[in-house]
């Protein structure tokens, strides 16, 4: 059994989103991404499907030439290989579920570029 609290030890970085692994299971990695308003993750794609859950705030999720406005409580699943970008419209907390085969370092590299 694994457990975590998504609100504990929150860190808002001045440059780029803050990324923290909350825990791993046999199949997934549960990751918290904390954005300050106006922080951006440039267009990228994942090798595996992901799930995004908006915990707090508002985020524009660019995908397929459009923008999905995500707010607290919204969930989104995305297949691997689909280009997407993220722009924080307010301070926000995002829960990202990655495949166990995916790399958290890949996510950190996108956030810091």
PDB file of N, CA and C in Angstrom:
ATOM      1  N   UNK A   1       0.844  -1.178   0.000  1.00  0.00           N
ATOM      2  CA  UNK A   1       0.000   0.000   0.000  1.00  0.00           C
ATOM      3  C   UNK A   1       0.889   1.240   0.000  1.00  0.00           C
ATOM      4  N   UNK A   2       0.475   2.242  -0.746  1.00  0.00           N
ATOM      5  CA  UNK A   2       1.170   3.524  -0.803  1.00  0.00           C
ATOM      6  C   UNK A   2       0.166   4.620  -0.474  1.00  0.00           C
ATOM      7  N   UNK A   3       0.618   5.690   0.144  1.00  0.00           N
ATOM      8  CA  UNK A   3      -0.263   6.829   0.386  1.00  0.00           C
ATOM      9  C   UNK A   3       0.552   8.111   0.344  1.00  0.00           C
ATOM     10  N   UNK A   4      -0.132   9.204   0.071  1.00  0.00           N
ATOM     11  CA  UNK A   4       0.504  10.521   0.021  1.00  0.00           C
ATOM     12  C   UNK A   4      -0.585  11.564   0.210  1.00  0.00           C
ATOM     13  N   UNK A   5      -0.171  12.779   0.513  1.00  0.00           N
ATOM     14  CA  UNK A   5      -1.101  13.900   0.592  1.00  0.00           C
ATOM     15  C   UNK A   5      -0.647  14.933  -0.427  1.00  0.00           C
ATOM     16  N   UNK A   6      -1.483  15.218  -1.385  1.00  0.00           N
ATOM     17  CA  UNK A   6      -1.115  16.100  -2.488  1.00  0.00           C
ATOM     18  C   UNK A   6      -0.878  17.538  -2.044  1.00  0.00           C
ATOM     19  N   UNK A   7      -1.399  17.919  -0.865  1.00  0.00           N
ATOM     20  CA  UNK A   7      -1.260  19.290  -0.370  1.00  0.00           C
ATOM     21  C   UNK A   7      -0.051  19.507   0.545  1.00  0.00           C
ATOM     22  N   UNK A   8       0.563  18.432   1.025  1.00  0.00           N
ATOM     23  CA  UNK A   8       1.680  18.575   1.971  1.00  0.00           C
ATOM     24  C   UNK A   8       2.961  18.959   1.254  1.00  0.00           C
ATOM     25  N   UNK A   9       3.721  19.836   1.899  1.00  0.00           N
ATOM     26  CA  UNK A   9       5.033  20.251   1.416  1.00  0.00           C
ATOM     27  C   UNK A   9       4.986  20.798  -0.012  1.00  0.00           C
ATOM     28  N   UNK A  10       3.983  21.657  -0.272  1.00  0.00           N
ATOM     29  CA  UNK A  10       3.879  22.293  -1.585  1.00  0.00           C
ATOM     30  C   UNK A  10       5.030  23.256  -1.795  1.00  0.00           C
ATOM     31  N   UNK A  11       5.582  23.244  -2.987  1.00  0.00           N
ATOM     32  CA  UNK A  11       6.648  24.157  -3.358  1.00  0.00           C
ATOM     33  C   UNK A  11       6.280  24.809  -4.681  1.00  0.00           C
ATOM     34  N   UNK A  12       6.251  26.127  -4.697  1.00  0.00           N
ATOM     35  CA  UNK A  12       6.055  26.876  -5.931  1.00  0.00           C
ATOM     36  C   UNK A  12       7.398  27.445  -6.333  1.00  0.00           C
ATOM     37  N   UNK A  13       7.933  27.030  -7.475  1.00  0.00           N
ATOM     38  CA  UNK A  13       9.226  27.515  -7.943  1.00  0.00           C
ATOM     39  C   UNK A  13       9.032  28.797  -8.748  1.00  0.00           C
ATOM     40  N   UNK A  14      10.015  29.683  -8.689  1.00  0.00           N
ATOM     41  CA  UNK A  14       9.949  30.918  -9.461  1.00  0.00           C
ATOM     42  C   UNK A  14      10.162  30.668 -10.945  1.00  0.00           C
ATOM     43  N   UNK A  15      10.971  29.680 -11.274  1.00  0.00           N
ATOM     44  CA  UNK A  15      11.245  29.367 -12.679  1.00  0.00           C
ATOM     45  C   UNK A  15      10.811  27.930 -12.942  1.00  0.00           C
ATOM     46  N   UNK A  16       9.739  27.772 -13.691  1.00  0.00           N
ATOM     47  CA  UNK A  16       9.260  26.444 -14.057  1.00  0.00           C
ATOM     48  C   UNK A  16       8.444  25.779 -12.966  1.00  0.00           C
ATOM     49  N   UNK A  17       7.572  24.872 -13.366  1.00  0.00           N
ATOM     50  CA  UNK A  17       6.737  24.136 -12.411  1.00  0.00           C
ATOM     51  C   UNK A  17       7.577  23.232 -11.497  1.00  0.00           C
ATOM     52  N   UNK A  18       7.071  23.001 -10.297  1.00  0.00           N
ATOM     53  CA  UNK A  18       7.714  22.097  -9.336  1.00  0.00           C
ATOM     54  C   UNK A  18       7.116  20.704  -9.499  1.00  0.00           C
ATOM     55  N   UNK A  19       7.967  19.711  -9.656  1.00  0.00           N
ATOM     56  CA  UNK A  19       7.511  18.347  -9.924  1.00  0.00           C
ATOM     57  C   UNK A  19       7.985  17.425  -8.806  1.00  0.00           C
ATOM     58  N   UNK A  20       7.030  16.684  -8.220  1.00  0.00           N
ATOM     59  CA  UNK A  20       7.321  15.788  -7.113  1.00  0.00           C
ATOM     60  C   UNK A  20       6.657  14.438  -7.363  1.00  0.00           C
ATOM     61  N   UNK A  21       7.410  13.360  -7.211  1.00  0.00           N
ATOM     62  CA  UNK A  21       6.824  12.021  -7.271  1.00  0.00           C
ATOM     63  C   UNK A  21       6.157  11.767  -5.919  1.00  0.00           C
ATOM     64  N   UNK A  22       4.858  11.502  -5.929  1.00  0.00           N
ATOM     65  CA  UNK A  22       4.134  11.220  -4.689  1.00  0.00           C
ATOM     66  C   UNK A  22       4.324   9.770  -4.268  1.00  0.00           C
ATOM     67  N   UNK A  23       4.186   8.847  -5.227  1.00  0.00           N
ATOM     68  CA  UNK A  23       4.482   7.439  -4.998  1.00  0.00           C
ATOM     69  C   UNK A  23       4.402   6.675  -6.309  1.00  0.00           C
ATOM     70  N   UNK A  24       4.852   5.414  -6.249  1.00  0.00           N
ATOM     71  CA  UNK A  24       4.792   4.527  -7.404  1.00  0.00           C
ATOM     72  C   UNK A  24       4.052   3.259  -7.022  1.00  0.00           C
ATOM     73  N   UNK A  25       3.327   2.725  -7.986  1.00  0.00           N
ATOM     74  CA  UNK A  25       2.683   1.427  -7.812  1.00  0.00           C
ATOM     75  C   UNK A  25       3.329   0.456  -8.793  1.00  0.00           C
ATOM     76  N   UNK A  26       2.792  -0.742  -8.888  1.00  0.00           N
ATOM     77  CA  UNK A  26       3.316  -1.705  -9.853  1.00  0.00           C
ATOM     78  C   UNK A  26       3.085  -1.250 -11.291  1.00  0.00           C
ATOM     79  N   UNK A  27       2.085  -0.374 -11.514  1.00  0.00           N
ATOM     80  CA  UNK A  27       1.736   0.026 -12.877  1.00  0.00           C
ATOM     81  C   UNK A  27       1.938   1.506 -13.177  1.00  0.00           C
ATOM     82  N   UNK A  28       1.953   2.368 -12.131  1.00  0.00           N
ATOM     83  CA  UNK A  28       1.978   3.809 -12.380  1.00  0.00           C
ATOM     84  C   UNK A  28       2.954   4.555 -11.481  1.00  0.00           C
ATOM     85  N   UNK A  29       3.198   5.798 -11.885  1.00  0.00           N
ATOM     86  CA  UNK A  29       3.905   6.774 -11.062  1.00  0.00           C
ATOM     87  C   UNK A  29       2.931   7.925 -10.872  1.00  0.00           C
ATOM     88  N   UNK A  30       2.685   8.307  -9.635  1.00  0.00           N
ATOM     89  CA  UNK A  30       1.778   9.408  -9.321  1.00  0.00           C
ATOM     90  C   UNK A  30       2.625  10.642  -9.025  1.00  0.00           C
ATOM     91  N   UNK A  31       2.415  11.683  -9.807  1.00  0.00           N
ATOM     92  CA  UNK A  31       3.271  12.862  -9.786  1.00  0.00           C
ATOM     93  C   UNK A  31       2.434  14.103  -9.515  1.00  0.00           C
ATOM     94  N   UNK A  32       2.969  15.016  -8.699  1.00  0.00           N
ATOM     95  CA  UNK A  32       2.331  16.310  -8.470  1.00  0.00           C
ATOM     96  C   UNK A  32       3.130  17.369  -9.234  1.00  0.00           C
ATOM     97  N   UNK A  33       2.407  18.190  -9.999  1.00  0.00           N
ATOM     98  CA  UNK A  33       3.026  19.325 -10.680  1.00  0.00           C
ATOM     99  C   UNK A  33       2.376  20.586 -10.129  1.00  0.00           C
ATOM    100  N   UNK A  34       3.200  21.489  -9.594  1.00  0.00           N
ATOM    101  CA  UNK A  34       2.711  22.724  -8.993  1.00  0.00           C
ATOM    102  C   UNK A  34       3.175  23.891  -9.873  1.00  0.00           C
ATOM    103  N   UNK A  35       2.202  24.628 -10.400  1.00  0.00           N
ATOM    104  CA  UNK A  35       2.468  25.761 -11.280  1.00  0.00           C
ATOM    105  C   UNK A  35       2.155  27.070 -10.569  1.00  0.00           C
ATOM    106  N   UNK A  36       2.992  28.073 -10.789  1.00  0.00           N
ATOM    107  CA  UNK A  36       2.620  29.456 -10.479  1.00  0.00           C
ATOM    108  C   UNK A  36       1.892  29.994 -11.713  1.00  0.00           C
ATOM    109  N   UNK A  37       1.032  30.958 -11.496  1.00  0.00           N
ATOM    110  CA  UNK A  37       0.312  31.571 -12.607  1.00  0.00           C
ATOM    111  C   UNK A  37       1.302  31.966 -13.708  1.00  0.00           C
ATOM    112  N   UNK A  38       0.927  31.687 -14.937  1.00  0.00           N
ATOM    113  CA  UNK A  38       1.668  32.011 -16.170  1.00  0.00           C
ATOM    114  C   UNK A  38       2.826  31.061 -16.475  1.00  0.00           C
ATOM    115  N   UNK A  39       3.113  30.096 -15.601  1.00  0.00           N
ATOM    116  CA  UNK A  39       4.153  29.133 -15.949  1.00  0.00           C
ATOM    117  C   UNK A  39       3.647  28.216 -17.050  1.00  0.00           C
ATOM    118  N   UNK A  40       4.567  27.739 -17.862  1.00  0.00           N
ATOM    119  CA  UNK A  40       4.217  27.016 -19.078  1.00  0.00           C
ATOM    120  C   UNK A  40       5.074  25.770 -19.194  1.00  0.00           C
ATOM    121  N   UNK A  41       4.498  24.704 -19.714  1.00  0.00           N
ATOM    122  CA  UNK A  41       5.274  23.544 -20.148  1.00  0.00           C
ATOM    123  C   UNK A  41       5.122  23.492 -21.659  1.00  0.00           C
ATOM    124  N   UNK A  42       6.243  23.636 -22.356  1.00  0.00           N
ATOM    125  CA  UNK A  42       6.214  23.701 -23.816  1.00  0.00           C
ATOM    126  C   UNK A  42       5.627  22.421 -24.407  1.00  0.00           C
ATOM    127  N   UNK A  43       5.300  22.495 -25.685  1.00  0.00           N
ATOM    128  CA  UNK A  43       4.718  21.330 -26.355  1.00  0.00           C
ATOM    129  C   UNK A  43       5.663  20.134 -26.265  1.00  0.00           C
ATOM    130  N   UNK A  44       5.097  19.015 -25.914  1.00  0.00           N
ATOM    131  CA  UNK A  44       5.834  17.768 -25.781  1.00  0.00           C
ATOM    132  C   UNK A  44       4.859  16.619 -25.974  1.00  0.00           C
ATOM    133  N   UNK A  45       5.368  15.412 -25.970  1.00  0.00           N
ATOM    134  CA  UNK A  45       4.514  14.236 -26.040  1.00  0.00           C
ATOM    135  C   UNK A  45       5.082  13.136 -25.163  1.00  0.00           C
ATOM    136  N   UNK A  46       4.215  12.250 -24.764  1.00  0.00           N
ATOM    137  CA  UNK A  46       4.622  11.157 -23.886  1.00  0.00           C
ATOM    138  C   UNK A  46       4.672   9.861 -24.689  1.00  0.00           C
ATOM    139  N   UNK A  47       5.539   8.945 -24.305  1.00  0.00           N
ATOM    140  CA  UNK A  47       5.571   7.665 -25.013  1.00  0.00           C
ATOM    141  C   UNK A  47       4.415   6.734 -24.614  1.00  0.00           C
ATOM    142  N   UNK A  48       3.752   7.042 -23.489  1.00  0.00           N
ATOM    143  CA  UNK A  48       2.693   6.185 -22.956  1.00  0.00           C
ATOM    144  C   UNK A  48       1.478   7.044 -22.611  1.00  0.00           C
ATOM    145  N   UNK A  49       0.309   6.451 -22.461  1.00  0.00           N
ATOM    146  CA  UNK A  49      -0.867   7.221 -22.040  1.00  0.00           C
ATOM    147  C   UNK A  49      -0.653   7.866 -20.664  1.00  0.00           C
ATOM    148  N   UNK A  50      -1.318   9.005 -20.443  1.00  0.00           N
ATOM    149  CA  UNK A  50      -1.271   9.712 -19.161  1.00  0.00           C
ATOM    150  C   UNK A  50      -2.687  10.062 -18.727  1.00  0.00           C
ATOM    151  N   UNK A  51      -2.815  10.372 -17.445  1.00  0.00           N
ATOM    152  CA  UNK A  51      -4.046  10.941 -16.912  1.00  0.00           C
ATOM    153  C   UNK A  51      -3.670  12.199 -16.146  1.00  0.00           C
ATOM    154  N   UNK A  52      -4.424  13.276 -16.389  1.00  0.00           N
ATOM    155  CA  UNK A  52      -4.211  14.552 -15.727  1.00  0.00           C
ATOM    156  C   UNK A  52      -5.440  14.847 -14.878  1.00  0.00           C
ATOM    157  N   UNK A  53      -5.234  15.197 -13.608  1.00  0.00           N
ATOM    158  CA  UNK A  53      -6.328  15.567 -12.706  1.00  0.00           C
ATOM    159  C   UNK A  53      -6.029  16.951 -12.139  1.00  0.00           C
ATOM    160  N   UNK A  54      -6.967  17.874 -12.319  1.00  0.00           N
ATOM    161  CA  UNK A  54      -6.819  19.224 -11.777  1.00  0.00           C
ATOM    162  C   UNK A  54      -7.260  19.208 -10.313  1.00  0.00           C
ATOM    163  N   UNK A  55      -6.326  19.488  -9.418  1.00  0.00           N
ATOM    164  CA  UNK A  55      -6.600  19.488  -7.985  1.00  0.00           C
ATOM    165  C   UNK A  55      -6.987  20.888  -7.525  1.00  0.00           C
ATOM    166  N   UNK A  56      -6.273  21.890  -8.021  1.00  0.00           N
ATOM    167  CA  UNK A  56      -6.538  23.296  -7.694  1.00  0.00           C
ATOM    168  C   UNK A  56      -6.209  24.147  -8.905  1.00  0.00           C
ATOM    169  N   UNK A  57      -6.924  25.254  -9.074  1.00  0.00           N
ATOM    170  CA  UNK A  57      -6.563  26.246 -10.067  1.00  0.00           C
ATOM    171  C   UNK A  57      -7.168  26.025 -11.433  1.00  0.00           C
ATOM    172  N   UNK A  58      -6.558  26.702 -12.414  1.00  0.00           N
ATOM    173  CA  UNK A  58      -7.053  26.704 -13.790  1.00  0.00           C
ATOM    174  C   UNK A  58      -5.860  26.623 -14.731  1.00  0.00           C
ATOM    175  N   UNK A  59      -6.002  25.790 -15.760  1.00  0.00           N
ATOM    176  CA  UNK A  59      -4.905  25.492 -16.669  1.00  0.00           C
ATOM    177  C   UNK A  59      -5.448  25.391 -18.088  1.00  0.00           C
ATOM    178  N   UNK A  60      -4.739  25.962 -19.047  1.00  0.00           N
ATOM    179  CA  UNK A  60      -5.058  25.736 -20.457  1.00  0.00           C
ATOM    180  C   UNK A  60      -4.203  24.588 -20.952  1.00  0.00           C
ATOM    181  N   UNK A  61      -4.876  23.554 -21.469  1.00  0.00           N
ATOM    182  CA  UNK A  61      -4.225  22.345 -21.972  1.00  0.00           C
ATOM    183  C   UNK A  61      -4.363  22.357 -23.480  1.00  0.00           C
ATOM    184  N   UNK A  62      -3.266  22.656 -24.168  1.00  0.00           N
ATOM    185  CA  UNK A  62      -3.297  22.715 -25.624  1.00  0.00           C
ATOM    186  C   UNK A  62      -3.099  21.337 -26.227  1.00  0.00           C
ATOM    187  N   UNK A  63      -4.033  20.941 -27.110  1.00  0.00           N
ATOM    188  CA  UNK A  63      -3.949  19.629 -27.753  1.00  0.00           C
ATOM    189  C   UNK A  63      -4.774  19.658 -29.046  1.00  0.00           C
ATOM    190  N   UNK A  64      -4.291  18.982 -30.076  1.00  0.00           N
ATOM    191  CA  UNK A  64      -5.007  18.864 -31.349  1.00  0.00           C
ATOM    192  C   UNK A  64      -5.419  20.211 -31.932  1.00  0.00           C
ATOM    193  N   UNK A  65      -4.561  21.219 -31.818  1.00  0.00           N
ATOM    194  CA  UNK A  65      -4.845  22.529 -32.386  1.00  0.00           C
ATOM    195  C   UNK A  65      -5.854  23.348 -31.607  1.00  0.00           C
ATOM    196  N   UNK A  66      -6.303  22.858 -30.461  1.00  0.00           N
ATOM    197  CA  UNK A  66      -7.264  23.577 -29.631  1.00  0.00           C
ATOM    198  C   UNK A  66      -6.753  23.710 -28.210  1.00  0.00           C
ATOM    199  N   UNK A  67      -7.569  24.361 -27.394  1.00  0.00           N
ATOM    200  CA  UNK A  67      -7.223  24.547 -25.987  1.00  0.00           C
ATOM    201  C   UNK A  67      -8.390  24.075 -25.129  1.00  0.00           C
ATOM    202  N   UNK A  68      -8.087  23.191 -24.200  1.00  0.00           N
ATOM    203  CA  UNK A  68      -9.068  22.758 -23.209  1.00  0.00           C
ATOM    204  C   UNK A  68      -8.786  23.516 -21.928  1.00  0.00           C
ATOM    205  N   UNK A  69      -9.770  24.227 -21.423  1.00  0.00           N
ATOM    206  CA  UNK A  69      -9.616  24.945 -20.166  1.00  0.00           C
ATOM    207  C   UNK A  69      -9.974  23.995 -19.041  1.00  0.00           C
ATOM    208  N   UNK A  70      -8.980  23.606 -18.251  1.00  0.00           N
ATOM    209  CA  UNK A  70      -9.192  22.674 -17.139  1.00  0.00           C
ATOM    210  C   UNK A  70      -9.260  23.436 -15.835  1.00  0.00           C
ATOM    211  N   UNK A  71     -10.229  23.078 -14.996  1.00  0.00           N
ATOM    212  CA  UNK A  71     -10.415  23.692 -13.689  1.00  0.00           C
ATOM    213  C   UNK A  71     -10.488  22.595 -12.632  1.00  0.00           C
ATOM    214  N   UNK A  72     -10.448  23.017 -11.374  1.00  0.00           N
ATOM    215  CA  UNK A  72     -10.494  22.088 -10.245  1.00  0.00           C
ATOM    216  C   UNK A  72     -11.560  21.016 -10.458  1.00  0.00           C
ATOM    217  N   UNK A  73     -11.129  19.766 -10.332  1.00  0.00           N
ATOM    218  CA  UNK A  73     -12.047  18.638 -10.464  1.00  0.00           C
ATOM    219  C   UNK A  73     -12.037  17.979 -11.836  1.00  0.00           C
ATOM    220  N   UNK A  74     -11.486  18.648 -12.858  1.00  0.00           N
ATOM    221  CA  UNK A  74     -11.459  18.074 -14.202  1.00  0.00           C
ATOM    222  C   UNK A  74     -10.428  16.963 -14.307  1.00  0.00           C
ATOM    223  N   UNK A  75     -10.763  15.941 -15.100  1.00  0.00           N
ATOM    224  CA  UNK A  75      -9.873  14.828 -15.414  1.00  0.00           C
ATOM    225  C   UNK A  75      -9.712  14.739 -16.919  1.00  0.00           C
ATOM    226  N   UNK A  76      -8.537  14.320 -17.352  1.00  0.00           N
ATOM    227  CA  UNK A  76      -8.254  14.206 -18.770  1.00  0.00           C
ATOM    228  C   UNK A  76      -7.346  13.010 -18.981  1.00  0.00           C
ATOM    229  N   UNK A  77      -7.658  12.191 -19.966  1.00  0.00           N
ATOM    230  CA  UNK A  77      -6.732  11.119 -20.342  1.00  0.00           C
ATOM    231  C   UNK A  77      -6.218  11.432 -21.741  1.00  0.00           C
ATOM    232  N   UNK A  78      -4.982  11.059 -21.988  1.00  0.00           N
ATOM    233  CA  UNK A  78      -4.359  11.357 -23.265  1.00  0.00           C
ATOM    234  C   UNK A  78      -3.501  10.172 -23.676  1.00  0.00           C
ATOM    235  N   UNK A  79      -3.660   9.748 -24.928  1.00  0.00           N
ATOM    236  CA  UNK A  79      -2.851   8.658 -25.451  1.00  0.00           C
ATOM    237  C   UNK A  79      -1.406   9.103 -25.615  1.00  0.00           C
ATOM    238  N   UNK A  80      -0.504   8.165 -25.601  1.00  0.00           N
ATOM    239  CA  UNK A  80       0.895   8.464 -25.870  1.00  0.00           C
ATOM    240  C   UNK A  80       1.063   8.977 -27.294  1.00  0.00           C
ATOM    241  N   UNK A  81       2.100   9.775 -27.521  1.00  0.00           N
ATOM    242  CA  UNK A  81       2.399  10.266 -28.855  1.00  0.00           C
ATOM    243  C   UNK A  81       1.600  11.468 -29.300  1.00  0.00           C
ATOM    244  N   UNK A  82       0.756  12.030 -28.427  1.00  0.00           N
ATOM    245  CA  UNK A  82      -0.071  13.187 -28.785  1.00  0.00           C
ATOM    246  C   UNK A  82       0.598  14.454 -28.253  1.00  0.00           C
ATOM    247  N   UNK A  83       1.015  15.373 -29.143  1.00  0.00           N
ATOM    248  CA  UNK A  83       1.640  16.614 -28.679  1.00  0.00           C
ATOM    249  C   UNK A  83       0.657  17.455 -27.865  1.00  0.00           C
ATOM    250  N   UNK A  84       1.167  18.044 -26.774  1.00  0.00           N
ATOM    251  CA  UNK A  84       0.334  18.885 -25.920  1.00  0.00           C
ATOM    252  C   UNK A  84       1.226  19.863 -25.154  1.00  0.00           C
ATOM    253  N   UNK A  85       0.635  20.954 -24.683  1.00  0.00           N
ATOM    254  CA  UNK A  85       1.343  21.922 -23.856  1.00  0.00           C
ATOM    255  C   UNK A  85       0.405  22.387 -22.756  1.00  0.00           C
ATOM    256  N   UNK A  86       0.972  23.004 -21.712  1.00  0.00           N
ATOM    257  CA  UNK A  86       0.191  23.437 -20.559  1.00  0.00           C
ATOM    258  C   UNK A  86       0.566  24.868 -20.193  1.00  0.00           C
ATOM    259  N   UNK A  87      -0.442  25.678 -19.864  1.00  0.00           N
ATOM    260  CA  UNK A  87      -0.234  27.050 -19.428  1.00  0.00           C
ATOM    261  C   UNK A  87      -1.113  27.311 -18.215  1.00  0.00           C
ATOM    262  N   UNK A  88      -0.490  27.676 -17.100  1.00  0.00           N
ATOM    263  CA  UNK A  88      -1.224  27.935 -15.860  1.00  0.00           C
ATOM    264  C   UNK A  88      -1.907  29.293 -15.937  1.00  0.00           C
ATOM    265  N   UNK A  89      -3.215  29.304 -15.814  1.00  0.00           N
ATOM    266  CA  UNK A  89      -3.988  30.547 -15.798  1.00  0.00           C
ATOM    267  C   UNK A  89      -4.057  31.125 -14.391  1.00  0.00           C
ATOM    268  N   UNK A  90      -3.758  30.296 -13.403  1.00  0.00           N
ATOM    269  CA  UNK A  90      -3.680  30.700 -11.995  1.00  0.00           C
ATOM    270  C   UNK A  90      -2.677  29.771 -11.332  1.00  0.00           C
ATOM    271  N   UNK A  91      -2.338  30.023 -10.069  1.00  0.00           N
ATOM    272  CA  UNK A  91      -1.554  29.034  -9.340  1.00  0.00           C
ATOM    273  C   UNK A  91      -2.358  27.740  -9.361  1.00  0.00           C
ATOM    274  N   UNK A  92      -1.719  26.622  -9.626  1.00  0.00           N
ATOM    275  CA  UNK A  92      -2.494  25.377  -9.683  1.00  0.00           C
ATOM    276  C   UNK A  92      -1.668  24.161  -9.288  1.00  0.00           C
ATOM    277  N   UNK A  93      -2.420  23.130  -8.920  1.00  0.00           N
ATOM    278  CA  UNK A  93      -1.856  21.839  -8.548  1.00  0.00           C
ATOM    279  C   UNK A  93      -2.460  20.799  -9.474  1.00  0.00           C
ATOM    280  N   UNK A  94      -1.585  20.025 -10.111  1.00  0.00           N
ATOM    281  CA  UNK A  94      -2.006  18.999 -11.064  1.00  0.00           C
ATOM    282  C   UNK A  94      -1.480  17.654 -10.584  1.00  0.00           C
ATOM    283  N   UNK A  95      -2.323  16.644 -10.660  1.00  0.00           N
ATOM    284  CA  UNK A  95      -1.873  15.271 -10.420  1.00  0.00           C
ATOM    285  C   UNK A  95      -1.722  14.607 -11.779  1.00  0.00           C
ATOM    286  N   UNK A  96      -0.549  14.084 -12.043  1.00  0.00           N
ATOM    287  CA  UNK A  96      -0.244  13.414 -13.296  1.00  0.00           C
ATOM    288  C   UNK A  96       0.011  11.947 -13.015  1.00  0.00           C
ATOM    289  N   UNK A  97      -0.679  11.085 -13.725  1.00  0.00           N
ATOM    290  CA  UNK A  97      -0.446   9.653 -13.614  1.00  0.00           C
ATOM    291  C   UNK A  97       0.304   9.195 -14.855  1.00  0.00           C
ATOM    292  N   UNK A  98       1.512   8.683 -14.619  1.00  0.00           N
ATOM    293  CA  UNK A  98       2.370   8.168 -15.681  1.00  0.00           C
ATOM    294  C   UNK A  98       2.411   6.652 -15.630  1.00  0.00           C
ATOM    295  N   UNK A  99       2.671   6.054 -16.774  1.00  0.00           N
ATOM    296  CA  UNK A  99       2.967   4.634 -16.818  1.00  0.00           C
ATOM    297  C   UNK A  99       4.256   4.370 -16.048  1.00  0.00           C
ATOM    298  N   UNK A 100       4.354   3.252 -15.401  1.00  0.00           N
ATOM    299  CA  UNK A 100       5.570   2.860 -14.682  1.00  0.00           C
ATOM    300  C   UNK A 100       6.776   2.876 -15.624  1.00  0.00           C
ATOM    301  N   UNK A 101       6.538   2.614 -16.921  1.00  0.00           N
ATOM    302  CA  UNK A 101       7.618   2.588 -17.906  1.00  0.00           C
ATOM    303  C   UNK A 101       8.097   3.976 -18.306  1.00  0.00           C
ATOM    304  N   UNK A 102       7.308   5.003 -17.997  1.00  0.00           N
ATOM    305  CA  UNK A 102       7.658   6.377 -18.359  1.00  0.00           C
ATOM    306  C   UNK A 102       8.662   6.935 -17.357  1.00  0.00           C
ATOM    307  N   UNK A 103       9.308   8.024 -17.732  1.00  0.00           N
ATOM    308  CA  UNK A 103      10.360   8.621 -16.913  1.00  0.00           C
ATOM    309  C   UNK A 103       9.912   9.945 -16.304  1.00  0.00           C
ATOM    310  N   UNK A 104      10.031  10.074 -15.004  1.00  0.00           N
ATOM    311  CA  UNK A 104       9.741  11.340 -14.340  1.00  0.00           C
ATOM    312  C   UNK A 104      10.779  12.375 -14.765  1.00  0.00           C
ATOM    313  N   UNK A 105      12.003  11.945 -15.016  1.00  0.00           N
ATOM    314  CA  UNK A 105      13.034  12.886 -15.474  1.00  0.00           C
ATOM    315  C   UNK A 105      12.634  13.538 -16.800  1.00  0.00           C
ATOM    316  N   UNK A 106      11.954  12.793 -17.664  1.00  0.00           N
ATOM    317  CA  UNK A 106      11.469  13.355 -18.929  1.00  0.00           C
ATOM    318  C   UNK A 106      10.533  14.518 -18.638  1.00  0.00           C
ATOM    319  N   UNK A 107       9.636  14.360 -17.682  1.00  0.00           N
ATOM    320  CA  UNK A 107       8.687  15.410 -17.302  1.00  0.00           C
ATOM    321  C   UNK A 107       9.446  16.612 -16.733  1.00  0.00           C
ATOM    322  N   UNK A 108      10.420  16.362 -15.881  1.00  0.00           N
ATOM    323  CA  UNK A 108      11.220  17.445 -15.306  1.00  0.00           C
ATOM    324  C   UNK A 108      11.988  18.198 -16.391  1.00  0.00           C
ATOM    325  N   UNK A 109      12.503  17.473 -17.366  1.00  0.00           N
ATOM    326  CA  UNK A 109      13.242  18.117 -18.454  1.00  0.00           C
ATOM    327  C   UNK A 109      12.337  19.033 -19.268  1.00  0.00           C
ATOM    328  N   UNK A 110      11.103  18.608 -19.531  1.00  0.00           N
ATOM    329  CA  UNK A 110      10.145  19.458 -20.253  1.00  0.00           C
ATOM    330  C   UNK A 110       9.821  20.684 -19.424  1.00  0.00           C
ATOM    331  N   UNK A 111       9.603  20.512 -18.146  1.00  0.00           N
ATOM    332  CA  UNK A 111       9.221  21.628 -17.260  1.00  0.00           C
ATOM    333  C   UNK A 111      10.324  22.669 -17.143  1.00  0.00           C
ATOM    334  N   UNK A 112      11.565  22.226 -17.242  1.00  0.00           N
ATOM    335  CA  UNK A 112      12.693  23.135 -17.041  1.00  0.00           C
ATOM    336  C   UNK A 112      13.312  23.646 -18.330  1.00  0.00           C
ATOM    337  N   UNK A 113      12.679  23.365 -19.446  1.00  0.00           N
ATOM    338  CA  UNK A 113      13.249  23.854 -20.713  1.00  0.00           C
ATOM    339  C   UNK A 113      12.501  25.062 -21.245  1.00  0.00           C
TER     340      UNK A 113
END
